[in-house]
Amino acid sequence: MVRHTSIQSTIALLMAVASITVNAQNTTSTSTTTSTSSSSIPAQVSPEWLKDVVPIAGNVKEYPSGTNASIPTGPLPTVNFTASGYPEGWKSPPTTSAEVQAVINALDWSKVPGSPVRKADSKGDLTMTGYDSSDPDCWWSATGCVTSKNASIPPDVAACPTVGDWGLTYDDGPLTSDAGTWAEPNLYDFLAKQNQKAGLFYIGSNVIAAPAAAQRALADGHTLCVHTWSHPAMTSQSNEAVVAELYWTMKAIKEVTGVTTKCWRPPYGDVDDRVRAIAWQMGLTTVLWDEDTDDWNMPGDGGGNLSPETVDGYFENWIAARKNGTDNQTGHIVLQHELNNATVSMAEKWLPQVQQAFNVVPWNQCFNISQPYWETSFVYPIADGSRPAATAVSSSSAAASSTSNPVKPSTSVISSNGVSAAGIAAAASAASCNTITSGSITAALGMVAVAAAYIL
């Protein structure tokens, strides 16, 4: 429980976001940034260092729309793509390349906290001995912190704000195999048959190894996000290494699919304010989760020894809690993987039952984020299922970030491309009593994070 004095600052932050006046800029200037006059959070801009990346052929140019939208299924086509110029797959990429150095030089390092680089063993397990229990760095791995201690860093997106929403996400793709018995297009075909979209967090090394699968995911209407190049514990990486892990994955996604994504998820959830600040300046919002299936730990390629019956129990309990009304604080963002046969089989087993109990949507839809990419031609549905109109702005402008209201629809909207004042006020009202649940704070601050990331 949180005391009233802490809530006052929370309300102030929420209402500060509501006070932002938004103006779409029709401009060709590459220096245009989003307006954040009411906040100390630095503006995001469309990544200048990706503007010359030329996407390969074969990609869709917009979100599939209409009742007769063609969602491809079946065998993946052959894609003409060469990975020359990219680092070795699943290895820490070098930081000395001209491309990475250009990004490093473009960032404002005065806005990146000096949190120490953490120590990790050969298995990637982090050492937390001696870490300050007050958690000055909002280190998720140590405390589960999702709301930065630094006013210049937005909170993470960690749970859907509306009760009953299930933010569907899958990590570690895309993967293909000659047999094709479980790897793509298996899961994507299944999702298409279920008329279900998801948020997909991609390993850059996998994107260049399975470009046809990545193109299929975009064509199917899934939301593509970054999950690093080689899947390290990110707080164990130097500042330069963090940039390299994010940059090469962003480039791979853009070259293969044609979109410049605005979202990322740290492997293992391992993030602190130093890593958050770097990612934010690179145009990426940190997306975590509040429900973990632990599916990766089941027996399988790259997995562990967790009993599948244990994972079944997680799904059973979540569904039961929703049906009996005890799951009544927030919606959820749920962590799953397209890692191996075990995780894909588990996903396919439970999705139909989850759909009966929850409103299953990609994580961005439950936040009303209609444009998860810097390219404005891709306009995704918002919470009510509608698709806002795209904004005609220059692709070189940071104003190309979004056309949707980043909070739930309301009758009071600041501007056609702005923040719903009533929606923010509703989120703040959850914090207006003397004590509230941590889940309510997470949901409200998550709305602030998304508002700061996606408004024009």
Protein backbone atom coordinates (compact mmCIF):
# COMPACT_ATOMS: atom_id res chain seq x y z
CA MET A 1 0.00 0.00 0.00
CA VAL A 2 1.19 3.54 -0.79
CA ARG A 3 0.71 6.61 1.38
CA HIS A 4 -1.17 9.76 0.32
CA THR A 5 2.00 11.88 0.01
CA SER A 6 3.33 9.58 -2.70
CA ILE A 7 0.00 9.65 -4.52
CA GLN A 8 0.05 13.43 -4.79
CA SER A 9 3.16 13.30 -6.94
CA THR A 10 1.63 10.52 -9.01
CA ILE A 11 -1.48 12.60 -9.70
CA ALA A 12 0.67 15.57 -10.60
CA LEU A 13 2.55 13.50 -13.15
CA LEU A 14 -0.64 12.12 -14.62
CA MET A 15 -2.24 15.52 -14.95
CA ALA A 16 0.94 17.00 -16.39
CA VAL A 17 0.63 14.58 -19.26
CA ALA A 18 -3.02 15.57 -19.68
CA SER A 19 -1.99 19.20 -20.03
CA ILE A 20 0.26 18.62 -23.03
CA THR A 21 -1.04 20.41 -26.11
CA VAL A 22 -0.33 18.48 -29.25
CA ASN A 23 0.18 19.89 -32.71
CA ALA A 24 0.92 17.69 -35.72
CA GLN A 25 3.73 19.25 -37.74
CA ASN A 26 3.65 19.10 -41.55
CA THR A 27 7.35 19.65 -42.03
CA THR A 28 10.39 18.22 -43.74
CA SER A 29 12.77 19.25 -40.98
CA THR A 30 14.69 16.35 -39.45
CA SER A 31 15.16 18.27 -36.22
CA THR A 32 11.49 18.39 -35.26
CA THR A 33 10.82 16.69 -31.92
CA THR A 34 7.80 15.88 -29.86
CA SER A 35 6.59 18.50 -27.41
CA THR A 36 7.35 17.71 -23.79
CA SER A 37 7.17 21.15 -22.28
CA SER A 38 5.16 19.86 -19.33
CA SER A 39 7.61 17.09 -18.53
CA SER A 40 11.32 16.60 -17.94
CA ILE A 41 11.22 13.41 -19.99
CA PRO A 42 13.27 14.04 -23.16
CA ALA A 43 11.43 13.94 -26.45
CA GLN A 44 11.82 10.99 -28.77
CA VAL A 45 12.63 11.45 -32.43
CA SER A 46 12.52 9.17 -35.43
CA PRO A 47 15.96 7.50 -35.51
CA GLU A 48 17.99 9.54 -37.95
CA TRP A 49 20.62 6.84 -38.14
CA LEU A 50 18.15 4.40 -39.77
CA LYS A 51 16.79 6.76 -42.42
CA ASP A 52 19.00 5.39 -45.19
CA VAL A 53 18.19 1.70 -44.58
CA VAL A 54 16.48 0.35 -47.69
CA PRO A 55 13.94 -2.40 -46.92
CA ILE A 56 13.99 -5.55 -49.02
CA ALA A 57 11.12 -6.35 -51.36
CA GLY A 58 7.99 -8.26 -50.47
CA ASN A 59 6.62 -6.32 -47.52
CA VAL A 60 3.11 -5.06 -46.95
CA LYS A 61 2.78 -1.29 -46.70
CA GLU A 62 -0.01 -1.03 -44.14
CA TYR A 63 -1.91 -2.91 -41.47
CA PRO A 64 -4.33 -5.47 -42.98
CA SER A 65 -7.76 -3.87 -42.85
CA GLY A 66 -11.33 -4.72 -43.72
CA THR A 67 -13.30 -7.91 -43.42
CA ASN A 68 -11.77 -9.22 -46.64
CA ALA A 69 -8.16 -8.44 -45.66
CA SER A 70 -5.86 -11.14 -46.98
CA ILE A 71 -3.86 -12.71 -44.14
CA PRO A 72 -1.22 -14.99 -45.63
CA THR A 73 -0.88 -18.53 -44.27
CA GLY A 74 0.88 -21.68 -45.36
CA PRO A 75 4.48 -22.23 -46.48
CA LEU A 76 6.74 -19.21 -46.26
CA PRO A 77 8.01 -17.78 -49.53
CA THR A 78 11.66 -17.57 -50.45
CA VAL A 79 13.06 -14.18 -49.51
CA ASN A 80 16.11 -12.69 -51.22
CA PHE A 81 18.09 -11.29 -48.32
CA THR A 82 21.79 -11.18 -47.59
CA ALA A 83 23.07 -10.79 -44.04
CA SER A 84 26.44 -9.44 -45.11
CA GLY A 85 27.38 -6.42 -43.06
CA TYR A 86 25.58 -7.66 -39.96
CA PRO A 87 27.40 -8.99 -36.90
CA GLU A 88 27.62 -12.71 -36.22
CA GLY A 89 24.32 -14.08 -35.02
CA TRP A 90 23.80 -14.70 -31.30
CA LYS A 91 27.16 -13.13 -30.45
CA SER A 92 27.62 -9.80 -28.70
CA PRO A 93 27.95 -7.31 -31.57
CA PRO A 94 31.06 -5.12 -31.68
CA THR A 95 30.75 -1.51 -30.61
CA THR A 96 33.48 -0.12 -32.86
CA SER A 97 31.63 -0.18 -36.20
CA ALA A 98 30.94 3.14 -37.86
CA GLU A 99 27.18 2.51 -37.65
CA VAL A 100 27.16 1.89 -33.92
CA GLN A 101 29.53 4.77 -33.28
CA ALA A 102 27.20 7.10 -35.17
CA VAL A 103 24.35 6.20 -32.80
CA ILE A 104 26.60 6.54 -29.74
CA ASN A 105 27.62 10.02 -30.88
CA ALA A 106 23.99 11.01 -31.52
CA LEU A 107 22.82 10.33 -27.95
CA ASP A 108 22.84 12.83 -25.11
CA TRP A 109 24.83 10.95 -22.50
CA SER A 110 24.16 13.62 -19.88
CA LYS A 111 20.65 12.17 -19.70
CA VAL A 112 21.86 8.63 -19.03
CA PRO A 113 22.28 7.81 -15.31
CA GLY A 114 25.64 6.49 -14.19
CA SER A 115 24.29 3.23 -12.82
CA PRO A 116 27.05 0.63 -12.59
CA VAL A 117 27.42 -2.11 -15.14
CA ARG A 118 26.25 -5.28 -13.37
CA LYS A 119 28.22 -8.49 -13.13
CA ALA A 120 26.91 -11.68 -14.71
CA ASP A 121 28.37 -15.18 -14.73
CA SER A 122 28.87 -17.38 -17.79
CA LYS A 123 25.22 -18.45 -17.63
CA GLY A 124 24.05 -14.85 -17.58
CA ASP A 125 22.98 -14.94 -13.93
CA LEU A 126 23.40 -11.55 -12.31
CA THR A 127 25.20 -10.81 -9.07
CA MET A 128 23.08 -8.71 -6.73
CA THR A 129 25.18 -8.98 -3.59
CA GLY A 130 25.66 -5.57 -2.02
CA TYR A 131 23.03 -3.80 -4.09
CA ASP A 132 21.40 -0.92 -2.18
CA SER A 133 18.04 -2.14 -0.85
CA SER A 134 16.52 1.29 -1.55
CA ASP A 135 16.88 0.42 -5.25
CA PRO A 136 18.26 3.78 -6.48
CA ASP A 137 18.51 2.50 -10.06
CA CYS A 138 15.01 0.97 -10.38
CA TRP A 139 16.65 -2.34 -11.22
CA TRP A 140 13.85 -4.69 -12.24
CA SER A 141 15.87 -7.86 -11.72
CA ALA A 142 16.52 -6.93 -8.09
CA THR A 143 13.16 -5.46 -7.03
CA GLY A 144 10.63 -5.69 -9.86
CA CYS A 145 10.74 -1.89 -10.19
CA VAL A 146 8.93 -0.51 -13.26
CA THR A 147 8.63 3.17 -12.28
CA SER A 148 11.93 5.00 -12.61
CA LYS A 149 13.41 6.93 -9.71
CA ASN A 150 14.60 9.45 -12.29
CA ALA A 151 12.10 12.08 -13.47
CA SER A 152 13.68 12.15 -16.93
CA ILE A 153 12.91 8.47 -17.58
CA PRO A 154 9.33 7.31 -18.24
CA PRO A 155 7.86 4.29 -16.44
CA ASP A 156 7.82 0.93 -18.17
CA VAL A 157 4.71 -0.50 -19.79
CA ALA A 158 4.01 -3.45 -17.51
CA ALA A 159 0.27 -4.19 -17.37
CA CYS A 160 -2.79 -3.38 -19.47
CA PRO A 161 -4.78 -0.70 -17.61
CA THR A 162 -8.26 -2.16 -18.19
CA VAL A 163 -9.50 -5.12 -16.16
CA GLY A 164 -10.14 -8.11 -18.39
CA ASP A 165 -7.54 -7.24 -21.02
CA TRP A 166 -4.87 -9.83 -21.79
CA GLY A 167 -1.91 -8.34 -23.63
CA LEU A 168 -0.63 -11.22 -25.75
CA THR A 169 3.14 -11.26 -26.32
CA TYR A 170 5.68 -13.78 -27.60
CA ASP A 171 9.45 -13.43 -27.23
CA ASP A 172 12.49 -14.83 -29.05
CA GLY A 173 11.22 -15.14 -32.63
CA PRO A 174 11.15 -15.42 -35.49
CA LEU A 175 12.22 -19.04 -35.96
CA THR A 176 11.92 -21.42 -38.89
CA SER A 177 12.97 -25.02 -39.47
CA ASP A 178 13.13 -27.38 -42.42
CA ALA A 179 10.59 -29.68 -40.79
CA GLY A 180 8.25 -26.81 -40.01
CA THR A 181 6.44 -28.88 -37.41
CA TRP A 182 6.41 -26.12 -34.79
CA ALA A 183 8.56 -23.22 -36.01
CA GLU A 184 7.12 -20.56 -38.23
CA PRO A 185 4.76 -20.42 -39.96
CA ASN A 186 3.15 -22.77 -37.40
CA LEU A 187 2.33 -20.30 -34.63
CA TYR A 188 1.47 -17.47 -37.03
CA ASP A 189 -0.88 -19.71 -38.99
CA PHE A 190 -2.55 -20.75 -35.75
CA LEU A 191 -3.00 -17.13 -34.67
CA ALA A 192 -4.49 -16.30 -38.07
CA LYS A 193 -7.03 -19.11 -37.71
CA GLN A 194 -7.93 -17.75 -34.28
CA ASN A 195 -8.24 -14.21 -35.72
CA GLN A 196 -5.73 -13.16 -33.09
CA LYS A 197 -2.99 -10.52 -33.18
CA ALA A 198 -0.03 -10.44 -30.80
CA GLY A 199 3.01 -8.42 -29.83
CA LEU A 200 6.19 -10.13 -31.07
CA PHE A 201 9.55 -9.31 -29.49
CA TYR A 202 12.23 -10.23 -32.01
CA ILE A 203 15.85 -11.28 -31.63
CA GLY A 204 17.81 -9.44 -34.32
CA SER A 205 19.93 -12.51 -35.03
CA ASN A 206 16.74 -14.46 -35.73
CA VAL A 207 15.29 -11.76 -37.97
CA ILE A 208 18.18 -11.97 -40.44
CA ALA A 209 18.09 -15.78 -40.25
CA ALA A 210 14.32 -16.02 -40.85
CA PRO A 211 13.34 -12.93 -42.86
CA ALA A 212 10.29 -14.56 -44.46
CA ALA A 213 8.81 -15.27 -41.03
CA ALA A 214 9.29 -11.66 -39.97
CA GLN A 215 7.63 -10.44 -43.15
CA ARG A 216 4.75 -12.85 -42.55
CA ALA A 217 4.24 -11.50 -39.02
CA LEU A 218 3.97 -7.92 -40.27
CA ALA A 219 1.58 -8.96 -43.04
CA ASP A 220 -0.57 -10.79 -40.48
CA GLY A 221 -0.95 -7.60 -38.41
CA HIS A 222 1.22 -8.47 -35.43
CA THR A 223 3.20 -5.76 -33.62
CA LEU A 224 6.97 -6.09 -34.05
CA CYS A 225 9.30 -5.01 -31.26
CA VAL A 226 13.00 -5.36 -30.33
CA HIS A 227 14.33 -8.11 -28.04
CA THR A 228 18.05 -7.37 -28.61
CA TRP A 229 20.57 -8.95 -30.96
CA SER A 230 21.99 -11.73 -28.77
CA HIS A 231 19.72 -11.89 -25.69
CA PRO A 232 22.10 -10.78 -22.91
CA ALA A 233 21.23 -9.48 -19.47
CA MET A 234 21.25 -5.84 -20.54
CA THR A 235 22.36 -4.32 -17.23
CA SER A 236 25.55 -6.39 -17.56
CA GLN A 237 26.39 -4.58 -20.80
CA SER A 238 28.36 -1.36 -21.16
CA ASN A 239 26.60 1.71 -22.52
CA GLU A 240 28.14 1.11 -25.93
CA ALA A 241 27.15 -2.56 -25.90
CA VAL A 242 23.54 -1.65 -25.04
CA VAL A 243 23.48 0.63 -28.09
CA ALA A 244 24.87 -2.12 -30.32
CA GLU A 245 22.36 -4.74 -29.11
CA LEU A 246 19.45 -2.39 -29.83
CA TYR A 247 20.78 -0.82 -33.02
CA TRP A 248 21.44 -3.99 -34.97
CA THR A 249 18.04 -5.40 -34.08
CA MET A 250 16.27 -2.19 -35.09
CA LYS A 251 18.19 -2.18 -38.37
CA ALA A 252 17.41 -5.85 -39.04
CA ILE A 253 13.69 -5.33 -38.43
CA LYS A 254 13.64 -2.27 -40.69
CA GLU A 255 15.64 -3.81 -43.52
CA VAL A 256 13.64 -7.04 -43.47
CA THR A 257 10.14 -5.65 -42.83
CA GLY A 258 10.32 -1.94 -43.63
CA VAL A 259 9.19 -0.68 -40.22
CA THR A 260 11.09 1.26 -37.57
CA THR A 261 9.76 -0.06 -34.31
CA LYS A 262 9.22 2.00 -31.17
CA CYS A 263 9.13 -0.77 -28.55
CA TRP A 264 11.52 -3.20 -26.93
CA ARG A 265 11.65 -5.79 -24.17
CA PRO A 266 14.81 -6.54 -22.19
CA PRO A 267 15.79 -10.22 -22.05
CA TYR A 268 14.92 -11.68 -18.65
CA GLY A 269 13.25 -8.33 -17.90
CA ASP A 270 16.70 -7.11 -16.90
CA VAL A 271 16.60 -3.34 -17.09
CA ASP A 272 17.54 -0.38 -14.91
CA ASP A 273 17.43 3.37 -15.37
CA ARG A 274 20.70 3.47 -17.29
CA VAL A 275 19.48 0.98 -19.88
CA ARG A 276 15.99 2.55 -19.99
CA ALA A 277 17.46 5.96 -20.74
CA ILE A 278 19.55 4.66 -23.63
CA ALA A 279 16.62 2.77 -25.13
CA TRP A 280 14.32 5.80 -24.79
CA GLN A 281 16.74 8.04 -26.65
CA MET A 282 16.93 5.41 -29.38
CA GLY A 283 13.17 5.75 -29.82
CA LEU A 284 12.15 2.67 -27.82
CA THR A 285 9.63 2.29 -24.99
CA THR A 286 10.38 -0.46 -22.46
CA VAL A 287 7.65 -3.12 -22.36
CA LEU A 288 7.68 -5.68 -19.55
CA TRP A 289 4.92 -7.93 -18.19
CA ASP A 290 2.99 -8.67 -15.01
CA GLU A 291 2.18 -12.35 -15.66
CA ASP A 292 4.88 -14.85 -16.58
CA THR A 293 4.02 -18.29 -17.96
CA ASP A 294 7.59 -19.59 -17.40
CA ASP A 295 6.98 -21.57 -20.59
CA TRP A 296 10.63 -21.18 -21.64
CA ASN A 297 11.65 -23.38 -18.71
CA MET A 298 9.75 -26.46 -19.88
CA PRO A 299 11.78 -29.32 -21.41
CA GLY A 300 12.64 -28.49 -25.01
CA ASP A 301 15.36 -26.99 -27.18
CA GLY A 302 16.97 -24.31 -25.04
CA GLY A 303 14.49 -24.97 -22.23
CA GLY A 304 14.70 -26.40 -18.73
CA ASN A 305 13.00 -28.88 -16.46
CA LEU A 306 9.78 -27.16 -15.43
CA SER A 307 6.83 -29.52 -15.60
CA PRO A 308 4.32 -28.59 -18.34
CA GLU A 309 1.61 -29.37 -15.79
CA THR A 310 2.93 -26.48 -13.70
CA VAL A 311 2.50 -24.10 -16.64
CA ASP A 312 -0.97 -25.52 -17.23
CA GLY A 313 -1.72 -24.61 -13.62
CA TYR A 314 -0.77 -20.99 -14.20
CA PHE A 315 -3.24 -20.68 -17.06
CA GLU A 316 -5.94 -22.49 -15.09
CA ASN A 317 -5.52 -20.12 -12.13
CA TRP A 318 -5.54 -16.96 -14.27
CA ILE A 319 -8.69 -18.05 -16.08
CA ALA A 320 -10.40 -19.08 -12.84
CA ALA A 321 -9.54 -15.76 -11.16
CA ARG A 322 -10.98 -13.82 -14.06
CA LYS A 323 -14.16 -15.87 -14.13
CA ASN A 324 -14.78 -15.70 -10.38
CA GLY A 325 -14.15 -11.96 -10.24
CA THR A 326 -11.02 -11.95 -8.05
CA ASP A 327 -8.88 -10.70 -10.94
CA ASN A 328 -10.27 -7.17 -10.72
CA GLN A 329 -7.40 -4.70 -10.35
CA THR A 330 -5.84 -4.28 -13.81
CA GLY A 331 -5.49 -6.08 -17.08
CA HIS A 332 -2.32 -7.98 -17.83
CA ILE A 333 0.62 -8.24 -20.18
CA VAL A 334 1.55 -11.91 -20.39
CA LEU A 335 4.98 -13.29 -21.24
CA GLN A 336 5.12 -16.26 -23.61
CA HIS A 337 7.70 -17.50 -26.13
CA GLU A 338 7.88 -18.87 -29.66
CA LEU A 339 11.06 -20.62 -28.56
CA ASN A 340 10.53 -24.31 -29.24
CA ASN A 341 7.92 -27.03 -29.70
CA ALA A 342 7.00 -26.98 -26.01
CA THR A 343 6.26 -23.26 -25.83
CA VAL A 344 4.39 -23.16 -29.14
CA SER A 345 2.30 -26.19 -28.20
CA MET A 346 1.45 -24.59 -24.86
CA ALA A 347 0.46 -21.35 -26.58
CA GLU A 348 -1.84 -23.15 -29.00
CA LYS A 349 -3.35 -25.28 -26.24
CA TRP A 350 -4.42 -22.39 -24.05
CA LEU A 351 -5.20 -19.48 -26.36
CA PRO A 352 -8.80 -20.55 -27.18
CA GLN A 353 -9.58 -20.86 -23.46
CA VAL A 354 -7.92 -17.55 -22.65
CA GLN A 355 -9.98 -15.90 -25.40
CA GLN A 356 -13.16 -17.08 -23.68
CA ALA A 357 -12.21 -15.46 -20.37
CA PHE A 358 -10.28 -12.34 -21.46
CA ASN A 359 -10.24 -9.67 -24.11
CA VAL A 360 -7.04 -10.83 -25.82
CA VAL A 361 -5.18 -8.09 -27.71
CA PRO A 362 -1.59 -7.12 -28.54
CA TRP A 363 -0.06 -5.13 -25.69
CA ASN A 364 -0.19 -1.90 -27.71
CA GLN A 365 -3.92 -2.15 -28.37
CA CYS A 366 -4.83 -2.15 -24.70
CA PHE A 367 -2.99 1.19 -24.46
CA ASN A 368 -4.68 2.60 -27.57
CA ILE A 369 -1.37 2.81 -29.40
CA SER A 370 -2.36 2.79 -33.05
CA GLN A 371 1.09 3.52 -34.46
CA PRO A 372 3.83 1.38 -32.89
CA TYR A 373 6.25 2.32 -35.68
CA TRP A 374 7.71 5.61 -36.83
CA GLU A 375 6.23 4.95 -40.27
CA THR A 376 2.74 6.44 -40.26
CA SER A 377 1.21 4.15 -42.89
CA PHE A 378 0.74 1.34 -40.34
CA VAL A 379 -2.32 2.19 -38.24
CA TYR A 380 -3.36 -0.54 -35.81
CA PRO A 381 -6.70 -0.91 -34.01
CA ILE A 382 -7.20 0.81 -30.67
CA ALA A 383 -9.07 -0.57 -27.68
CA ASP A 384 -12.54 -0.32 -29.20
CA GLY A 385 -11.41 -2.13 -32.34
CA SER A 386 -11.49 0.95 -34.57
CA ARG A 387 -8.54 2.26 -36.55
CA PRO A 388 -7.83 6.01 -36.42
CA ALA A 389 -6.85 7.84 -39.59
CA ALA A 390 -3.16 8.28 -40.28
CA THR A 391 -1.63 11.71 -39.87
CA ALA A 392 -0.03 13.23 -42.95
CA VAL A 393 3.35 14.24 -41.55
CA SER A 394 6.89 14.03 -42.80
CA SER A 395 8.54 10.67 -42.17
CA SER A 396 11.62 12.57 -41.05
CA SER A 397 9.70 14.29 -38.30
CA ALA A 398 9.27 12.98 -34.80
CA ALA A 399 5.66 14.00 -35.21
CA ALA A 400 5.27 10.79 -37.18
CA SER A 401 5.00 8.89 -33.92
CA SER A 402 1.24 8.44 -33.48
CA THR A 403 -2.26 9.45 -34.44
CA SER A 404 -4.17 7.77 -31.67
CA ASN A 405 -5.16 8.77 -28.19
CA PRO A 406 -2.70 6.95 -25.91
CA VAL A 407 -5.30 6.38 -23.22
CA LYS A 408 -8.82 4.96 -23.31
CA PRO A 409 -11.27 6.85 -25.55
CA SER A 410 -13.34 9.54 -23.91
CA THR A 411 -15.64 12.41 -24.80
CA SER A 412 -13.03 14.97 -23.76
CA VAL A 413 -10.00 15.14 -26.02
CA ILE A 414 -7.42 17.90 -26.09
CA SER A 415 -6.90 17.67 -29.84
CA SER A 416 -7.57 15.23 -32.63
CA ASN A 417 -4.11 13.78 -32.13
CA GLY A 418 -3.75 14.39 -28.44
CA VAL A 419 -4.24 12.96 -25.01
CA SER A 420 -7.70 12.35 -23.61
CA ALA A 421 -7.92 14.59 -20.56
CA ALA A 422 -10.82 12.61 -19.17
CA GLY A 423 -8.90 9.39 -19.68
CA ILE A 424 -5.90 10.70 -17.76
CA ALA A 425 -8.18 12.05 -15.05
CA ALA A 426 -9.79 8.65 -14.74
CA ALA A 427 -6.39 7.08 -14.26
CA ALA A 428 -5.53 9.71 -11.69
CA SER A 429 -8.78 9.12 -9.81
CA ALA A 430 -7.53 5.65 -8.96
CA ALA A 431 -4.82 7.43 -6.98
CA SER A 432 -7.06 9.95 -5.24
CA CYS A 433 -7.65 7.97 -2.06
CA ASN A 434 -5.30 7.67 0.88
CA THR A 435 -4.09 4.22 -0.14
CA ILE A 436 -4.20 2.32 -3.40
CA THR A 437 -2.85 -0.95 -4.69
CA SER A 438 0.50 -1.18 -6.40
CA GLY A 439 -1.33 -2.63 -9.41
CA SER A 440 -3.36 0.55 -9.79
CA ILE A 441 -0.21 2.66 -9.71
CA THR A 442 1.47 0.45 -12.28
CA ALA A 443 -1.51 0.74 -14.61
CA ALA A 444 -1.81 4.51 -14.20
CA LEU A 445 1.90 5.16 -14.65
CA GLY A 446 2.00 2.79 -17.57
CA MET A 447 -0.56 5.05 -19.25
CA VAL A 448 1.75 8.00 -18.59
CA ALA A 449 4.68 6.14 -20.12
CA VAL A 450 2.77 5.38 -23.27
CA ALA A 451 1.38 8.89 -23.48
CA ALA A 452 4.88 10.33 -23.28
CA ALA A 453 6.12 7.90 -25.91
CA TYR A 454 3.42 8.10 -28.53
CA ILE A 455 1.75 11.52 -28.52
CA LEU A 456 2.58 13.91 -31.35
